[in-house]
Structure formats: structure tokens, C-alpha cells
Amino acid sequence: NPEIKDSGFFPPNLDGDRVGKYLVSMLETVQMAVLALVLSVAIAFPLSFFASRNTLDIIFPRDHGSWKFVKTGIYMMVRFFANLSRSINEIIWALLFVSAVGLGPMPGILALGIHTSGVLIKLFSEGIETIQPEPVAALTATGAGFVKVIAYAVLPQTTPFFVSMTLYRLESDVRSATILGFTGAGGIGCYLFDKLRSYENHDVTTILIIIVVTVAVIDRISALIRARYT
């Protein structure tokens, strides 16, 4: 804004104390994203096997009478939860959790965790439904239980895909966590929102640089991890 003195975006504010404060806040944002990812994987990983028709048939091999209705009911309930949690934006979830548990990182973690769990259930289940059926049939023919079939016939085929999708969501959650600070959900987004409102645009540039560099570093680390599973 030309009417406000020193409201330009360049050069960025490189004051040591402020940069240090922003770096600590960025670390908090990354921690929020990581904890949210752990929560979402803990929810999505087991539920994805119940959102896939082929693994439902492995877990509940009977397909007559009431068993068909049981499997259909489980499948529909898990799919409904996944659709509900991912169709509501992270910011809306954050606003709901801020009103429920107060300001700070916790509502941000819960918001990202719930939203991402729905996304991962959909992605994981679609990955499971594309597996080759031959290893499953071979193990099932030996009389192996569903735990062994999933562990030795399903997971070896899906692990690279699971890892790739999980790392992709980590990058996405870090970006989303920076915006959730606008709702009071903690992290560097709180500083970004405050500086934008007060037209301290030199600080805004500093914060944006920190965010971009952090996301780039996480992207590089994710690429190295992916390379080990492909």
C-alpha cells in the first residue's frame, strides 16, 4: 500500500530475533503437520481395508445370507466417514475445533488429522483395489487366515503406493498448516496473518521465504524416501 510508510515487500526483514522467532514457529507448523499425519494414518490405514471390496472379502469370506448385508453396511459406513471428513475443508474443521478446544496447535492437528484421514482412506482403498489377485488366491488356497493374507499378499503390493501417498499428504499438510494459523490454530500462519493485517510486508516476505524453503526441503526428503520404496 503506497499510502502506508515502509509497506513494501522488499527487502525482507532479516532481523535476527524476528527470523529466529519465525523459524521456531515454522518448526511448530511442521510438528503440527507431522502429528496430524500420524493421526490420519492411524485412522486411515485400518479403515482402508474395510473400504475396499476385495479386502472385505478376505476379512469376511462368507458371502451368503446376512454376511452380504454386514459387508455392505461396513463398506458404506467407512466410505461415508471418508467422504464426510475430506469434503469439509481443513479451515472449517479448524474453526470447529478452535471453538471446541480453544486456540493453539491442537485444533490445527485435529483439523488436519480428520481431513487427511478421509483423503487417505480414499487413496489407500483405491490402491488396495488395484492389487493383483493371484498372490491372494494362492495364500487363501493354503488355508491362511485373513491377517496373513493381508500381511503377505496385500501389503507387499501396496506399501510403495501407501508410502508415496503418505509423503504427498505430508507436503500438503505442511502447506495447509500454514494457513490454519489464520484461524488461531497455531503455527507460523498466526504471524503471517498478523503481519498481513498490519501491512508489515517486509516480515510477510520473510515468512513466505521460510515457508517456501521448508516445503522445498520436505519435498526433497520425501523424494529420497520414495526412492527407497520404488
Protein backbone atom coordinates (compact mmCIF):
# COMPACT_ATOMS: atom_id res chain seq x y z
CA ASN A 1 0.00 0.00 0.00
CA PRO A 2 1.77 3.17 -1.17
CA GLU A 3 -0.08 5.27 1.42
CA ILE A 4 1.49 3.36 4.30
CA LYS A 5 5.13 4.06 5.01
CA ASP A 6 7.55 1.11 4.60
CA SER A 7 4.76 -1.20 3.46
CA GLY A 8 6.70 -2.64 0.51
CA PHE A 9 7.51 -6.36 0.28
CA PHE A 10 11.24 -5.95 -0.44
CA PRO A 11 13.73 -6.27 1.02
CA PRO A 12 12.66 -8.98 3.52
CA ASN A 13 13.16 -8.26 7.20
CA LEU A 14 16.29 -10.17 8.22
CA ASP A 15 16.37 -9.06 11.85
CA GLY A 16 17.92 -11.98 13.74
CA ASP A 17 15.40 -12.06 16.59
CA ARG A 18 12.42 -11.96 14.26
CA VAL A 19 13.82 -14.56 11.87
CA GLY A 20 14.56 -16.83 14.83
CA LYS A 21 11.01 -16.39 16.10
CA TYR A 22 9.59 -17.22 12.69
CA LEU A 23 11.81 -20.30 12.34
CA VAL A 24 10.62 -21.63 15.70
CA SER A 25 7.03 -21.00 14.62
CA MET A 26 7.67 -22.78 11.31
CA LEU A 27 9.01 -25.75 13.26
CA GLU A 28 5.77 -25.76 15.24
CA THR A 29 3.85 -25.79 11.96
CA VAL A 30 5.84 -28.79 10.70
CA GLN A 31 5.27 -30.57 14.01
CA MET A 32 1.54 -29.92 13.66
CA ALA A 33 1.57 -31.43 10.16
CA VAL A 34 3.58 -34.49 11.28
CA LEU A 35 1.33 -35.18 14.27
CA ALA A 36 -1.75 -34.71 12.10
CA LEU A 37 -0.31 -37.17 9.57
CA VAL A 38 0.36 -39.75 12.30
CA LEU A 39 -3.25 -39.35 13.48
CA SER A 40 -4.65 -39.62 9.96
CA VAL A 41 -2.59 -42.71 9.08
CA ALA A 42 -3.62 -44.37 12.35
CA ILE A 43 -7.24 -43.84 11.31
CA ALA A 44 -6.96 -44.42 7.56
CA PHE A 45 -4.68 -47.47 7.44
CA PRO A 46 -7.02 -49.95 9.17
CA LEU A 47 -10.21 -48.41 7.79
CA SER A 48 -8.96 -48.54 4.20
CA PHE A 49 -9.15 -52.36 4.28
CA PHE A 50 -12.85 -52.07 5.12
CA ALA A 51 -13.37 -49.50 2.34
CA SER A 52 -12.03 -51.94 -0.28
CA ARG A 53 -14.32 -54.69 -1.53
CA ASN A 54 -11.52 -57.16 -2.22
CA THR A 55 -10.06 -56.99 1.31
CA LEU A 56 -13.56 -57.06 2.80
CA ASP A 57 -13.98 -60.40 1.03
CA ILE A 58 -10.70 -61.56 2.58
CA ILE A 59 -11.69 -60.48 6.09
CA PHE A 60 -15.28 -61.78 5.74
CA PRO A 61 -15.03 -64.66 3.25
CA ARG A 62 -18.66 -65.70 3.66
CA ASP A 63 -20.93 -64.22 1.01
CA HIS A 64 -24.38 -65.53 1.78
CA GLY A 65 -27.30 -64.55 3.95
CA SER A 66 -26.71 -61.77 6.47
CA TRP A 67 -22.95 -61.63 5.76
CA LYS A 68 -23.56 -59.80 2.49
CA PHE A 69 -25.53 -57.11 4.32
CA VAL A 70 -22.85 -56.87 7.04
CA LYS A 71 -20.11 -56.31 4.47
CA THR A 72 -22.19 -53.79 2.54
CA GLY A 73 -23.01 -51.93 5.76
CA ILE A 74 -19.37 -51.75 6.85
CA TYR A 75 -18.26 -50.63 3.39
CA MET A 76 -20.90 -47.88 3.21
CA MET A 77 -20.18 -46.58 6.74
CA VAL A 78 -16.43 -46.31 6.17
CA ARG A 79 -16.94 -44.68 2.78
CA PHE A 80 -19.40 -42.22 4.32
CA PHE A 81 -16.89 -41.27 7.04
CA ALA A 82 -14.17 -40.77 4.40
CA ASN A 83 -16.44 -38.64 2.21
CA LEU A 84 -17.61 -36.54 5.15
CA SER A 85 -14.18 -35.87 6.63
CA ARG A 86 -12.50 -34.92 3.35
CA SER A 87 -15.38 -32.93 1.86
CA ILE A 88 -15.21 -30.40 4.72
CA ASN A 89 -12.24 -28.07 4.23
CA GLU A 90 -9.43 -28.02 6.81
CA ILE A 91 -10.21 -24.39 7.67
CA ILE A 92 -13.82 -25.27 8.54
CA TRP A 93 -12.61 -28.18 10.70
CA ALA A 94 -10.10 -25.83 12.36
CA LEU A 95 -12.80 -23.27 13.15
CA LEU A 96 -14.95 -26.01 14.66
CA PHE A 97 -12.11 -27.36 16.79
CA VAL A 98 -10.97 -23.87 17.85
CA SER A 99 -14.45 -23.26 19.21
CA ALA A 100 -14.40 -26.68 20.90
CA VAL A 101 -10.89 -26.87 22.42
CA GLY A 102 -9.59 -23.29 22.21
CA LEU A 103 -6.70 -21.60 20.44
CA GLY A 104 -3.33 -23.24 19.83
CA PRO A 105 -1.84 -26.11 17.82
CA MET A 106 -4.31 -28.79 18.99
CA PRO A 107 -7.28 -27.68 16.85
CA GLY A 108 -4.93 -27.46 13.86
CA ILE A 109 -3.68 -31.00 14.44
CA LEU A 110 -7.22 -32.35 14.82
CA ALA A 111 -8.47 -30.46 11.76
CA LEU A 112 -5.67 -31.70 9.53
CA GLY A 113 -5.86 -35.21 11.00
CA ILE A 114 -9.59 -35.62 10.36
CA HIS A 115 -9.49 -34.12 6.86
CA THR A 116 -6.38 -36.06 5.80
CA SER A 117 -7.75 -39.34 7.18
CA GLY A 118 -10.66 -39.08 4.73
CA VAL A 119 -8.30 -38.37 1.85
CA LEU A 120 -6.01 -41.27 2.76
CA ILE A 121 -8.88 -43.73 3.21
CA LYS A 122 -9.94 -42.97 -0.36
CA LEU A 123 -6.38 -43.17 -1.74
CA PHE A 124 -5.37 -46.27 0.23
CA SER A 125 -8.58 -48.15 -0.62
CA GLU A 126 -8.21 -47.38 -4.31
CA GLY A 127 -4.63 -48.64 -4.15
CA ILE A 128 -5.77 -51.84 -2.45
CA GLU A 129 -8.45 -52.48 -5.06
CA THR A 130 -5.84 -52.45 -7.85
CA ILE A 131 -3.68 -55.27 -6.43
CA GLN A 132 -3.06 -58.45 -8.36
CA PRO A 133 -5.43 -61.19 -7.08
CA GLU A 134 -3.11 -64.15 -7.76
CA PRO A 135 -0.98 -63.88 -4.56
CA VAL A 136 -4.17 -63.51 -2.51
CA ALA A 137 -5.73 -66.58 -4.13
CA ALA A 138 -2.54 -68.62 -3.63
CA LEU A 139 -2.33 -67.84 0.09
CA THR A 140 -6.05 -68.32 0.61
CA ALA A 141 -5.83 -71.75 -1.03
CA THR A 142 -3.33 -72.82 1.63
CA GLY A 143 -5.85 -72.04 4.36
CA ALA A 144 -4.06 -68.90 5.63
CA GLY A 145 -6.14 -66.53 7.76
CA PHE A 146 -7.01 -63.01 6.66
CA VAL A 147 -4.21 -61.47 8.76
CA LYS A 148 -1.55 -63.50 6.94
CA VAL A 149 -3.17 -62.91 3.57
CA ILE A 150 -3.16 -59.14 4.10
CA ALA A 151 0.36 -59.15 5.57
CA TYR A 152 1.98 -61.33 2.88
CA ALA A 153 -0.16 -60.83 -0.23
CA VAL A 154 -1.73 -57.38 0.04
CA LEU A 155 0.78 -55.18 1.88
CA PRO A 156 3.82 -56.08 -0.26
CA GLN A 157 1.91 -54.84 -3.31
CA THR A 158 0.54 -51.68 -1.69
CA THR A 159 3.41 -50.46 0.53
CA PRO A 160 5.17 -48.33 -2.13
CA PHE A 161 1.85 -46.67 -3.00
CA PHE A 162 0.99 -46.14 0.67
CA VAL A 163 4.37 -44.53 1.34
CA SER A 164 4.11 -42.28 -1.70
CA MET A 165 0.60 -41.07 -0.82
CA THR A 166 1.51 -40.53 2.83
CA LEU A 167 4.52 -38.41 1.94
CA TYR A 168 2.46 -36.44 -0.56
CA ARG A 169 -0.07 -35.68 2.17
CA LEU A 170 2.74 -34.57 4.50
CA GLU A 171 3.79 -31.92 1.98
CA SER A 172 0.17 -30.89 1.53
CA ASP A 173 -0.45 -30.77 5.29
CA VAL A 174 2.56 -28.53 5.87
CA ARG A 175 1.17 -26.07 3.34
CA SER A 176 -2.30 -26.30 4.85
CA ALA A 177 -0.97 -25.90 8.40
CA THR A 178 0.50 -22.50 7.49
CA ILE A 179 -2.99 -21.29 6.56
CA LEU A 180 -4.72 -22.78 9.60
CA GLY A 181 -2.85 -20.24 11.71
CA PHE A 182 -5.27 -17.67 10.26
CA THR A 183 -7.99 -19.33 12.38
CA GLY A 184 -5.93 -19.19 15.57
CA ALA A 185 -4.82 -22.80 15.26
CA GLY A 186 -1.13 -22.05 15.94
CA GLY A 187 2.00 -22.14 13.83
CA ILE A 188 3.59 -19.61 11.54
CA GLY A 189 0.22 -18.76 9.99
CA CYS A 190 -0.61 -16.70 13.09
CA TYR A 191 2.40 -14.45 12.40
CA LEU A 192 1.61 -14.32 8.67
CA PHE A 193 -1.98 -13.25 9.34
CA ASP A 194 -0.87 -10.65 11.90
CA LYS A 195 1.76 -9.14 9.59
CA LEU A 196 -0.62 -9.04 6.64
CA ARG A 197 -3.22 -7.17 8.68
CA SER A 198 -0.69 -4.63 9.94
CA TYR A 199 0.93 -4.14 6.48
CA GLU A 200 4.34 -5.25 7.78
CA ASN A 201 5.08 -6.63 4.35
CA HIS A 202 8.85 -6.93 4.82
CA ASP A 203 8.07 -9.51 7.51
CA VAL A 204 5.48 -11.11 5.24
CA THR A 205 8.18 -11.69 2.64
CA THR A 206 10.48 -13.19 5.28
CA ILE A 207 7.75 -15.57 6.43
CA LEU A 208 6.89 -16.60 2.86
CA ILE A 209 10.56 -17.34 2.12
CA ILE A 210 10.75 -19.53 5.23
CA ILE A 211 7.60 -21.40 4.18
CA VAL A 212 8.81 -21.96 0.61
CA VAL A 213 12.25 -23.17 1.74
CA THR A 214 10.71 -25.50 4.32
CA VAL A 215 8.31 -27.05 1.81
CA ALA A 216 11.19 -27.48 -0.67
CA VAL A 217 13.30 -29.27 1.95
CA ILE A 218 10.40 -31.56 2.88
CA ASP A 219 9.79 -32.29 -0.80
CA ARG A 220 13.44 -33.29 -1.23
CA ILE A 221 13.40 -35.53 1.83
CA SER A 222 10.16 -37.12 0.60
CA ALA A 223 11.74 -37.83 -2.79
CA LEU A 224 14.66 -39.61 -1.11
CA ILE A 225 12.30 -41.75 0.97
CA ARG A 226 10.16 -42.58 -2.06
CA ALA A 227 13.25 -43.72 -3.94
CA ARG A 228 13.82 -46.45 -1.34
CA TYR A 229 10.37 -47.95 -1.97
CA THR A 230 10.31 -47.85 -5.77
